[in-house]
Amino acid sequence: QLVPESWIDISTTAKMGTGSSSGYNKSYGYYYWIGETSGVPVISGIGHGGQFIVIVPDYDIVVTASTIGGVSDEKANAQIREVARIIYYALLPDMFNEID
């Protein structure tokens, strides 16, 4: 085991609210965004430009995505928004519907 389970629990627990209107990043832990999509809790690691690790503990789902690096901040932010839209508002809700 590389990372103690206790550190995973601590780092993925909300430490502060973000004030975001997006459900998937309402709170922040230690390097992780904590929120929900379609009423289901999600934990996300989101990197500059569009690198995503999204964990859905209730469904044992992990989604990863990466986009083109070395782009302007404007392009990086556009990529983050588009990948987030796909993952949180299309892919995961469809997966939940299929599983349920």
C-alpha atoms as a PDB file:
ATOM      1  CA  GLN A   1       0.000   0.000   0.000  1.00  0.00           C
ATOM      2  CA  LEU A   2       1.532   3.285  -1.108  1.00  0.00           C
ATOM      3  CA  VAL A   3      -0.780   5.764   0.589  1.00  0.00           C
ATOM      4  CA  PRO A   4      -2.262   5.152   4.030  1.00  0.00           C
ATOM      5  CA  GLU A   5      -6.051   4.806   4.041  1.00  0.00           C
ATOM      6  CA  SER A   6      -6.224   7.427   6.790  1.00  0.00           C
ATOM      7  CA  TRP A   7      -4.602  10.006   4.466  1.00  0.00           C
ATOM      8  CA  ILE A   8      -7.137   9.239   1.732  1.00  0.00           C
ATOM      9  CA  ASP A   9      -9.954   9.769   4.239  1.00  0.00           C
ATOM     10  CA  ILE A  10      -8.452  13.046   5.501  1.00  0.00           C
ATOM     11  CA  SER A  11      -7.552  14.464   2.087  1.00  0.00           C
ATOM     12  CA  THR A  12     -10.949  13.713   0.532  1.00  0.00           C
ATOM     13  CA  THR A  13     -12.931  15.283   3.368  1.00  0.00           C
ATOM     14  CA  ALA A  14     -14.172  18.834   2.756  1.00  0.00           C
ATOM     15  CA  LYS A  15     -12.065  21.466   4.508  1.00  0.00           C
ATOM     16  CA  MET A  16     -13.660  24.578   2.997  1.00  0.00           C
ATOM     17  CA  GLY A  17     -16.505  25.595   0.741  1.00  0.00           C
ATOM     18  CA  THR A  18     -15.705  27.026  -2.679  1.00  0.00           C
ATOM     19  CA  GLY A  19     -18.786  29.142  -3.305  1.00  0.00           C
ATOM     20  CA  SER A  20     -19.070  27.414  -6.684  1.00  0.00           C
ATOM     21  CA  SER A  21     -22.426  26.937  -8.346  1.00  0.00           C
ATOM     22  CA  SER A  22     -21.116  23.734  -9.983  1.00  0.00           C
ATOM     23  CA  GLY A  23     -22.204  20.746  -7.949  1.00  0.00           C
ATOM     24  CA  TYR A  24     -19.014  18.784  -8.517  1.00  0.00           C
ATOM     25  CA  ASN A  25     -16.673  21.269  -6.808  1.00  0.00           C
ATOM     26  CA  LYS A  26     -18.643  22.750  -3.924  1.00  0.00           C
ATOM     27  CA  SER A  27     -15.915  21.969  -1.369  1.00  0.00           C
ATOM     28  CA  TYR A  28     -12.176  21.446  -1.281  1.00  0.00           C
ATOM     29  CA  GLY A  29     -10.135  18.957   0.723  1.00  0.00           C
ATOM     30  CA  TYR A  30      -6.385  18.499   0.451  1.00  0.00           C
ATOM     31  CA  TYR A  31      -5.875  18.652  -3.336  1.00  0.00           C
ATOM     32  CA  TYR A  32      -9.321  17.180  -4.022  1.00  0.00           C
ATOM     33  CA  TRP A  33     -12.603  18.789  -4.989  1.00  0.00           C
ATOM     34  CA  ILE A  34     -15.625  17.323  -3.224  1.00  0.00           C
ATOM     35  CA  GLY A  35     -19.145  17.603  -4.562  1.00  0.00           C
ATOM     36  CA  GLU A  36     -21.867  15.736  -6.386  1.00  0.00           C
ATOM     37  CA  THR A  37     -23.386  15.158  -9.766  1.00  0.00           C
ATOM     38  CA  SER A  38     -26.970  14.007 -10.211  1.00  0.00           C
ATOM     39  CA  GLY A  39     -27.175  13.832  -6.398  1.00  0.00           C
ATOM     40  CA  VAL A  40     -24.305  11.312  -6.215  1.00  0.00           C
ATOM     41  CA  PRO A  41     -21.125  12.217  -4.255  1.00  0.00           C
ATOM     42  CA  VAL A  42     -17.958  12.659  -6.325  1.00  0.00           C
ATOM     43  CA  ILE A  43     -14.322  13.328  -5.469  1.00  0.00           C
ATOM     44  CA  SER A  44     -12.193  14.933  -8.164  1.00  0.00           C
ATOM     45  CA  GLY A  45      -8.604  15.785  -8.888  1.00  0.00           C
ATOM     46  CA  ILE A  46      -8.560  18.465 -11.584  1.00  0.00           C
ATOM     47  CA  GLY A  47      -5.318  19.666 -13.157  1.00  0.00           C
ATOM     48  CA  HIS A  48      -4.485  22.760 -15.184  1.00  0.00           C
ATOM     49  CA  GLY A  49      -5.770  22.426 -18.713  1.00  0.00           C
ATOM     50  CA  GLY A  50      -8.012  19.433 -18.239  1.00  0.00           C
ATOM     51  CA  GLN A  51      -6.474  16.505 -16.424  1.00  0.00           C
ATOM     52  CA  PHE A  52      -9.210  14.772 -14.431  1.00  0.00           C
ATOM     53  CA  ILE A  53      -9.467  11.932 -11.960  1.00  0.00           C
ATOM     54  CA  VAL A  54     -13.070  11.545 -10.836  1.00  0.00           C
ATOM     55  CA  ILE A  55     -13.968   9.037  -8.145  1.00  0.00           C
ATOM     56  CA  VAL A  56     -17.554   7.960  -7.504  1.00  0.00           C
ATOM     57  CA  PRO A  57     -17.344   5.835  -4.329  1.00  0.00           C
ATOM     58  CA  ASP A  58     -21.035   4.851  -4.288  1.00  0.00           C
ATOM     59  CA  TYR A  59     -20.679   3.166  -7.694  1.00  0.00           C
ATOM     60  CA  ASP A  60     -17.011   2.063  -7.557  1.00  0.00           C
ATOM     61  CA  ILE A  61     -16.319   4.224 -10.630  1.00  0.00           C
ATOM     62  CA  VAL A  62     -13.086   6.009 -11.499  1.00  0.00           C
ATOM     63  CA  VAL A  63     -12.958   8.199 -14.616  1.00  0.00           C
ATOM     64  CA  THR A  64      -9.733   9.707 -15.936  1.00  0.00           C
ATOM     65  CA  ALA A  65      -9.281  12.190 -18.761  1.00  0.00           C
ATOM     66  CA  SER A  66      -6.533  14.339 -20.156  1.00  0.00           C
ATOM     67  CA  THR A  67      -6.463  17.057 -22.794  1.00  0.00           C
ATOM     68  CA  ILE A  68      -3.814  18.816 -24.849  1.00  0.00           C
ATOM     69  CA  GLY A  69      -1.072  20.372 -22.716  1.00  0.00           C
ATOM     70  CA  GLY A  70       1.105  23.401 -23.314  1.00  0.00           C
ATOM     71  CA  VAL A  71      -1.766  25.696 -24.231  1.00  0.00           C
ATOM     72  CA  SER A  72      -2.659  29.216 -23.147  1.00  0.00           C
ATOM     73  CA  ASP A  73      -4.542  29.763 -19.898  1.00  0.00           C
ATOM     74  CA  GLU A  74      -7.608  30.707 -21.933  1.00  0.00           C
ATOM     75  CA  LYS A  75      -7.482  27.442 -23.893  1.00  0.00           C
ATOM     76  CA  ALA A  76      -6.721  25.448 -20.718  1.00  0.00           C
ATOM     77  CA  ASN A  77      -9.793  26.903 -18.988  1.00  0.00           C
ATOM     78  CA  ALA A  78     -11.960  26.156 -22.033  1.00  0.00           C
ATOM     79  CA  GLN A  79     -10.721  22.552 -22.002  1.00  0.00           C
ATOM     80  CA  ILE A  80     -11.505  22.204 -18.283  1.00  0.00           C
ATOM     81  CA  ARG A  81     -15.066  23.464 -18.833  1.00  0.00           C
ATOM     82  CA  GLU A  82     -15.675  21.130 -21.781  1.00  0.00           C
ATOM     83  CA  VAL A  83     -14.258  18.010 -20.137  1.00  0.00           C
ATOM     84  CA  ALA A  84     -16.179  18.801 -16.929  1.00  0.00           C
ATOM     85  CA  ARG A  85     -19.398  19.178 -18.932  1.00  0.00           C
ATOM     86  CA  ILE A  86     -18.857  15.803 -20.568  1.00  0.00           C
ATOM     87  CA  ILE A  87     -17.907  13.929 -17.381  1.00  0.00           C
ATOM     88  CA  TYR A  88     -20.263  15.444 -14.807  1.00  0.00           C
ATOM     89  CA  TYR A  89     -23.317  16.254 -16.923  1.00  0.00           C
ATOM     90  CA  ALA A  90     -23.308  13.556 -19.626  1.00  0.00           C
ATOM     91  CA  LEU A  91     -21.106  10.527 -18.925  1.00  0.00           C
ATOM     92  CA  LEU A  92     -21.694   9.974 -15.201  1.00  0.00           C
ATOM     93  CA  PRO A  93     -25.466  10.609 -15.182  1.00  0.00           C
ATOM     94  CA  ASP A  94     -25.836   8.183 -18.107  1.00  0.00           C
ATOM     95  CA  MET A  95     -23.749   5.602 -16.250  1.00  0.00           C
ATOM     96  CA  PHE A  96     -25.862   6.003 -13.097  1.00  0.00           C
ATOM     97  CA  ASN A  97     -29.040   5.473 -15.144  1.00  0.00           C
ATOM     98  CA  GLU A  98     -27.600   2.326 -16.726  1.00  0.00           C
ATOM     99  CA  ILE A  99     -26.502   0.901 -13.369  1.00  0.00           C
ATOM    100  CA  ASP A 100     -29.721   1.740 -11.532  1.00  0.00           C
END
